[in-house]
Protein backbone atom coordinates (compact mmCIF):
# COMPACT_ATOMS: atom_id res chain seq x y z
CA MET A 1 11.11 -27.69 -14.19
CA ASN A 2 8.43 -28.75 -16.64
CA PHE A 3 7.79 -28.54 -20.31
CA LEU A 4 4.10 -29.40 -20.56
CA PRO A 5 0.94 -27.73 -18.95
CA ALA A 6 -0.42 -29.53 -16.02
CA VAL A 7 -3.03 -32.10 -16.90
CA VAL A 8 -6.35 -31.40 -15.26
CA GLY A 9 -8.20 -34.39 -14.30
CA PRO A 10 -11.46 -35.16 -12.39
CA THR A 11 -11.81 -33.03 -9.20
CA VAL A 12 -13.34 -33.52 -5.80
CA PHE A 13 -14.14 -30.46 -3.85
CA GLY A 14 -12.12 -28.53 -6.40
CA MET A 15 -9.04 -30.83 -5.94
CA THR A 16 -7.72 -33.67 -8.05
CA ALA A 17 -8.27 -37.14 -6.53
CA THR A 18 -4.58 -37.45 -5.71
CA ASP A 19 -4.41 -34.05 -3.97
CA LEU A 20 -7.47 -34.98 -1.97
CA PHE A 21 -5.87 -38.25 -1.09
CA ALA A 22 -2.64 -36.45 -0.06
CA TRP A 23 -4.75 -34.21 2.32
CA VAL A 24 -6.36 -37.33 3.90
CA MET A 25 -2.98 -38.80 4.38
CA ILE A 26 -1.64 -35.70 6.10
CA ALA A 27 -4.63 -35.56 8.39
CA ALA A 28 -4.40 -39.22 9.23
CA PHE A 29 -0.74 -38.99 10.25
CA LEU A 30 -1.34 -35.91 12.35
CA VAL A 31 -4.35 -37.58 14.04
CA GLY A 32 -2.15 -40.64 14.63
CA ALA A 33 0.50 -38.35 16.23
CA LEU A 34 -2.06 -36.66 18.50
CA VAL A 35 -3.59 -39.96 19.59
CA ASP A 36 0.04 -41.15 20.31
CA VAL A 37 0.30 -38.42 22.93
CA PHE A 38 -2.55 -39.82 24.96
CA ASP A 39 -2.90 -43.48 24.01
CA ARG A 40 -0.04 -45.34 22.39
CA GLU A 41 -1.96 -48.54 21.94
CA THR A 42 -4.73 -46.91 19.99
CA ALA A 43 -2.18 -44.88 18.00
CA ARG A 44 -0.66 -48.17 16.99
CA TYR A 45 -3.65 -49.22 15.13
CA VAL A 46 -4.36 -45.73 13.65
CA LEU A 47 -0.83 -45.52 12.39
CA ALA A 48 -0.61 -48.98 11.01
CA VAL A 49 -3.74 -48.35 8.95
CA THR A 50 -2.41 -44.92 7.82
CA TRP A 51 0.93 -46.35 6.56
CA GLY A 52 -1.05 -49.08 4.59
CA LEU A 53 -3.10 -46.32 2.94
CA PHE A 54 0.12 -44.36 2.27
CA GLY A 55 1.38 -47.25 0.25
CA LEU A 56 -1.78 -47.04 -1.87
CA PHE A 57 -1.13 -43.36 -2.31
CA TRP A 58 2.34 -43.98 -3.81
CA LEU A 59 0.88 -46.69 -6.12
CA ALA A 60 -1.63 -44.07 -7.32
CA VAL A 61 1.08 -41.43 -8.14
CA PHE A 62 3.48 -43.90 -9.64
CA PRO A 63 2.20 -43.63 -13.23
CA HIS A 64 2.65 -39.88 -13.02
CA PHE A 65 6.37 -40.11 -12.25
CA ALA A 66 7.00 -43.14 -14.43
CA PHE A 67 5.07 -42.33 -17.60
CA GLU A 68 4.35 -38.56 -17.59
CA VAL A 69 7.59 -37.14 -15.93
CA LYS A 70 9.55 -40.09 -17.26
CA SER A 71 11.78 -40.12 -14.20
CA PHE A 72 13.32 -43.49 -13.33
CA VAL A 73 14.51 -41.99 -9.93
CA GLU A 74 11.09 -40.74 -8.87
CA GLY A 75 9.24 -43.53 -10.43
CA GLY A 76 11.51 -46.12 -8.75
CA LEU A 77 11.19 -44.41 -5.48
CA ALA A 78 7.40 -44.27 -5.73
CA ILE A 79 7.07 -47.99 -6.59
CA PHE A 80 9.54 -48.89 -3.76
CA ALA A 81 7.49 -46.86 -1.35
CA VAL A 82 4.38 -49.09 -1.87
CA PRO A 83 5.65 -52.21 -0.12
CA ALA A 84 7.92 -50.18 2.12
CA CYS A 85 4.89 -48.24 3.58
CA ILE A 86 2.76 -51.34 3.91
CA TYR A 87 5.70 -53.08 5.75
CA THR A 88 6.15 -50.06 7.97
CA GLY A 89 2.46 -50.35 8.91
CA TYR A 90 2.88 -54.00 9.73
CA LEU A 91 5.90 -53.22 11.92
CA ILE A 92 3.94 -50.57 13.85
CA TYR A 93 1.02 -52.95 14.21
CA GLN A 94 3.61 -55.54 15.70
CA GLY A 95 4.72 -52.93 18.26
CA ARG A 96 7.74 -51.30 16.79
CA GLU A 97 7.20 -47.96 18.68
CA ARG A 98 10.28 -46.15 17.26
CA LEU A 99 8.39 -45.85 14.02
CA HIS A 100 5.87 -43.52 15.71
CA VAL A 101 8.44 -40.78 15.52
CA LEU A 102 8.81 -41.30 11.72
CA SER A 103 5.10 -41.21 11.41
CA ARG A 104 4.97 -37.84 13.17
CA ALA A 105 7.66 -36.57 10.85
CA VAL A 106 5.69 -37.59 7.79
CA GLY A 107 2.64 -35.65 9.05
CA VAL A 108 4.80 -32.58 9.61
CA MET A 109 6.31 -32.85 6.11
CA GLY A 110 2.92 -32.88 4.54
CA LEU A 111 1.77 -29.98 6.68
CA VAL A 112 4.78 -27.94 5.36
CA TYR A 113 4.49 -29.00 1.69
CA PHE A 114 0.90 -29.13 0.72
CA PRO A 115 -0.51 -25.92 2.22
CA THR A 116 2.16 -23.90 0.38
CA GLN A 117 0.99 -25.52 -2.85
CA ALA A 118 -2.64 -25.07 -2.11
CA ILE A 119 -2.54 -21.22 -1.30
CA PRO A 120 -2.28 -19.51 -4.65
CA ALA A 121 -0.39 -16.38 -3.39
CA VAL A 122 2.27 -18.47 -1.61
CA ARG A 123 2.64 -20.82 -4.64
CA GLU A 124 3.00 -17.75 -6.95
CA PHE A 125 5.47 -16.10 -4.63
CA LEU A 126 7.65 -19.22 -4.43
CA ILE A 127 7.62 -20.05 -8.13
CA GLU A 128 8.28 -16.51 -9.32
CA THR A 129 11.01 -15.87 -6.73
CA VAL A 130 12.84 -19.13 -7.80
CA ALA A 131 12.30 -18.26 -11.47
CA VAL A 132 13.89 -14.76 -11.10
CA GLN A 133 16.92 -16.24 -9.29
CA THR A 134 17.21 -19.02 -11.79
CA LEU A 135 17.27 -16.34 -14.60
CA TRP A 136 19.93 -14.45 -12.79
CA GLY A 137 22.16 -17.68 -12.73
CA ILE A 138 21.39 -18.34 -16.36
CA ASN A 139 22.49 -14.69 -17.26
CA GLN A 140 25.78 -15.26 -15.21
CA LEU A 141 26.67 -18.11 -17.66
CA GLY A 142 26.29 -15.77 -20.54
CA TYR A 143 22.81 -16.92 -21.72
CA HIS A 144 19.93 -14.51 -22.08
CA PRO A 145 16.64 -16.30 -22.86
CA GLU A 146 13.46 -14.21 -23.11
CA PHE A 147 11.79 -14.32 -19.62
CA THR A 148 8.04 -14.34 -19.90
CA THR A 149 4.75 -15.82 -18.57
CA GLY A 150 4.48 -19.50 -18.60
CA PRO A 151 1.54 -21.76 -19.61
CA GLU A 152 0.42 -22.32 -16.03
CA TYR A 153 -1.40 -19.59 -14.16
CA GLY A 154 0.34 -16.89 -16.07
CA TYR A 155 3.33 -16.78 -13.72
CA MET A 156 6.51 -15.08 -14.77
CA ASN A 157 8.56 -18.34 -14.91
CA TYR A 158 9.19 -19.18 -18.51
CA PHE A 159 12.70 -19.17 -20.21
CA TYR A 160 12.37 -18.94 -24.07
CA PHE A 161 15.67 -19.75 -25.77
CA GLY A 162 14.23 -19.34 -29.29
CA PRO A 163 12.06 -21.01 -31.81
CA ASP A 164 14.37 -23.91 -32.47
CA ALA A 165 15.38 -24.40 -28.87
CA PHE A 166 13.75 -26.36 -26.10
CA SER A 167 12.36 -24.00 -23.56
CA THR A 168 11.36 -24.69 -19.86
CA TYR A 169 9.66 -23.09 -17.03
CA ILE A 170 9.58 -23.26 -13.25
CA VAL A 171 6.89 -25.15 -11.52
CA TYR A 172 6.11 -25.77 -7.81
CA ALA A 173 8.29 -28.86 -7.66
CA CYS A 174 11.22 -26.77 -8.78
CA THR A 175 11.10 -24.57 -5.66
CA GLY A 176 12.91 -27.12 -3.55
CA ILE A 177 10.06 -26.96 -0.95
CA GLY A 178 9.74 -30.81 -1.09
CA SER A 179 13.22 -31.32 0.30
CA MET A 180 12.76 -28.47 2.75
CA ALA A 181 9.63 -30.16 4.00
CA ILE A 182 11.48 -33.44 4.54
CA PHE A 183 14.13 -31.87 6.74
CA ALA A 184 11.51 -29.71 8.58
CA GLY A 185 9.38 -32.77 9.34
CA LEU A 186 12.32 -34.85 10.61
CA ILE A 187 13.77 -32.01 12.69
CA VAL A 188 10.37 -31.04 14.26
CA ALA A 189 9.45 -34.66 14.97
CA VAL A 190 12.43 -35.66 17.13
CA GLU A 191 12.74 -34.69 20.78
CA ALA A 192 15.74 -32.35 20.93
CA PRO A 193 16.35 -28.84 22.30
CA LEU A 194 14.79 -25.99 20.31
CA ARG A 195 18.13 -24.25 19.88
CA ARG A 196 19.67 -27.14 18.12
CA LYS A 197 16.52 -27.74 16.06
CA LEU A 198 16.64 -24.08 14.75
CA LYS A 199 20.37 -24.30 14.13
CA SER A 200 19.85 -27.44 11.98
CA LEU A 201 17.14 -25.71 9.96
CA ALA A 202 19.32 -22.74 9.50
CA ILE A 203 21.89 -25.06 7.91
CA ALA A 204 19.56 -27.23 5.79
CA ILE A 205 17.17 -24.65 4.39
CA PRO A 206 19.65 -22.21 2.84
CA VAL A 207 21.82 -25.05 1.43
CA ILE A 208 18.74 -26.73 -0.24
CA TRP A 209 17.67 -23.32 -1.66
CA VAL A 210 21.08 -22.54 -3.23
CA LEU A 211 21.55 -26.08 -4.62
CA ASN A 212 18.01 -26.01 -5.99
CA ILE A 213 18.79 -22.80 -8.03
CA VAL A 214 21.97 -24.33 -9.29
CA ARG A 215 20.01 -27.35 -10.44
CA ASN A 216 17.35 -25.13 -12.15
CA VAL A 217 19.97 -23.20 -14.01
CA PHE A 218 21.76 -26.40 -15.17
CA VAL A 219 18.56 -27.98 -16.46
CA ALA A 220 17.36 -24.77 -18.17
CA VAL A 221 20.59 -24.17 -20.01
CA ALA A 222 21.21 -27.82 -20.84
CA ALA A 223 17.65 -28.12 -22.30
CA GLY A 224 17.77 -24.84 -24.09
CA GLN A 225 21.22 -25.44 -25.59
CA GLY A 226 20.67 -29.09 -26.29
CA TRP A 227 23.82 -30.12 -24.37
CA PHE A 228 22.86 -33.78 -24.35
CA ALA A 229 21.21 -34.16 -27.85
CA MET A 230 23.86 -36.85 -28.66
CA GLU A 231 24.37 -40.57 -28.50
CA PRO A 232 23.99 -42.57 -26.46
CA VAL A 233 21.57 -40.19 -24.62
CA LEU A 234 19.20 -40.13 -27.62
CA THR A 235 18.99 -43.83 -27.77
CA ILE A 236 18.42 -44.20 -23.95
CA ALA A 237 15.77 -41.42 -24.07
CA GLY A 238 14.04 -43.07 -26.86
CA LEU A 239 13.83 -46.33 -24.87
CA ALA A 240 12.20 -44.21 -22.09
CA GLY A 241 9.60 -42.83 -24.65
CA VAL A 242 11.21 -39.37 -24.86
CA GLU A 243 11.24 -37.47 -28.06
CA PRO A 244 14.70 -36.38 -29.46
CA ILE A 245 13.92 -32.68 -28.94
CA GLU A 246 13.14 -33.44 -25.18
CA ALA A 247 16.27 -35.63 -24.71
CA SER A 248 18.58 -33.00 -23.19
CA PHE A 249 15.78 -31.91 -20.83
CA TRP A 250 15.03 -35.44 -19.78
CA PHE A 251 18.61 -36.41 -19.23
CA SER A 252 19.61 -33.28 -17.36
CA HIS A 253 16.32 -33.07 -15.33
CA SER A 254 15.30 -36.64 -14.73
CA VAL A 255 18.59 -38.41 -14.65
CA LEU A 256 21.57 -36.23 -13.75
CA SER A 257 19.80 -33.65 -11.54
CA GLN A 258 17.74 -36.24 -9.60
CA VAL A 259 20.72 -38.49 -8.97
CA GLY A 260 22.62 -35.35 -7.92
CA SER A 261 19.73 -34.38 -5.62
CA VAL A 262 19.86 -37.79 -3.78
CA ILE A 263 23.60 -37.35 -3.20
CA ALA A 264 23.01 -33.72 -2.04
CA LEU A 265 20.33 -34.85 0.44
CA VAL A 266 22.65 -37.44 1.89
CA GLY A 267 25.27 -34.77 2.39
CA ILE A 268 22.79 -32.28 3.98
CA THR A 269 21.65 -35.07 6.24
CA TRP A 270 25.20 -35.59 7.36
CA LEU A 271 25.43 -31.88 8.25
CA VAL A 272 22.13 -31.87 10.14
CA VAL A 273 22.80 -34.91 12.20
CA LYS A 274 26.01 -33.40 13.43
CA VAL A 275 23.79 -30.84 15.09
CA VAL A 276 20.77 -33.02 15.93
CA PRO A 277 22.08 -36.55 16.26
CA GLU A 278 18.57 -37.54 17.56
CA LEU A 279 17.68 -37.77 13.88
CA LEU A 280 19.79 -40.91 13.61
CA ALA A 281 17.09 -42.94 15.35
CA ILE A 282 14.66 -42.12 12.55
CA LEU A 283 17.28 -42.94 9.87
CA GLU A 284 17.95 -46.23 11.63
CA GLU A 285 14.27 -47.03 11.40
CA VAL A 286 14.15 -46.14 7.73
CA LEU A 287 17.19 -48.42 7.08
CA PHE A 288 15.54 -51.23 9.10
CA VAL A 289 12.34 -50.97 6.91
CA ALA A 290 14.51 -50.98 3.76
CA THR A 291 16.82 -53.85 4.63
CA GLY A 292 15.36 -55.73 7.65
CA THR A 293 18.67 -55.14 9.50
CA GLU A 294 19.31 -53.24 12.69
CA TYR A 295 21.85 -50.38 12.45
CA ASP A 296 23.69 -48.35 14.90
CA LEU A 297 24.48 -45.20 13.04
CA GLU A 298 25.89 -43.23 16.02
CA ASP A 299 28.61 -45.85 16.01
CA ALA A 300 29.06 -46.11 12.31
CA LEU A 301 29.24 -42.40 11.72
CA GLY A 302 31.00 -41.45 14.85
CA VAL A 303 28.12 -39.21 16.01
CA SER A 304 27.22 -39.32 19.68
CA PRO A 305 24.19 -37.68 21.31
CA ASP A 306 26.59 -36.42 24.04
CA VAL A 307 28.97 -34.63 21.72
CA ARG A 308 27.71 -31.60 19.77
CA THR A 309 29.40 -29.78 16.91
CA ASP A 310 28.78 -26.54 18.77
CA GLY A 311 30.61 -27.76 21.90
CA GLY A 312 27.35 -27.87 23.82
CA ASP A 313 25.87 -30.73 25.78
CA VAL A 314 22.74 -32.77 25.42
CA THR A 315 20.63 -30.31 27.33
CA GLU A 316 21.24 -27.40 24.96
């Protein structure tokens, strides 16, 4: 959700510099994945450079998350991603081939996420569909804000709670497509039977969609009704540079909801790896990059590639 119109900056080929950078990153990861099929040694260099540039991308978007969105979760993750990406590139250059699968996953994630944002008709459909479902949830709680066009593109996505209330509207990031893209990228990237991949997607996507609607309803009502306009939230919000009228929105959206989203993603991951335990190899690599320690998640979580939740075997 958002409460300010998008800031339009300098454009290149009709895109902002960061959007163009994102497209370059997606193309580089996909090229690296393609090269990896034919020449792993060359792919090692391509992917190492790509991960280094990916670190610069996160450095470029960090100010947006930290100072415009004022999200300590997103801002913290963005700044953490800078050295993590550079270190990943170094590990790939040193020959850690298991990270090639993670690289392929990142390329697929971008391929799912950015085209749906770039195609106006798809973006409008996603935003307005989520907005209508969010309104239904708000109404079920007994609140009836005016539902009207928002400040961006004239979409029907704005919840107006009154002249003295803080109103919000749905933006692209509120559709949950980012989380869906993460799981789609991870699931597509691993080598596993198609049947189990489709089953895992059938689990992850609906759960993400429903939880995202719940999150949007919570943020809209909390902001519109000023649920958190009290101490110590006002003081903490002030330290983050947030005005008192925005405090409930900031606390519900950028603190509670985002921490809850992280917890939810962990839970969804648990459900998915029970169907596609091949994903554990990617998660082990992520943990190795983050901590420098080797992990055996199959052992720790009691998930074996030879034992499926559907009773099938490894060839399914």
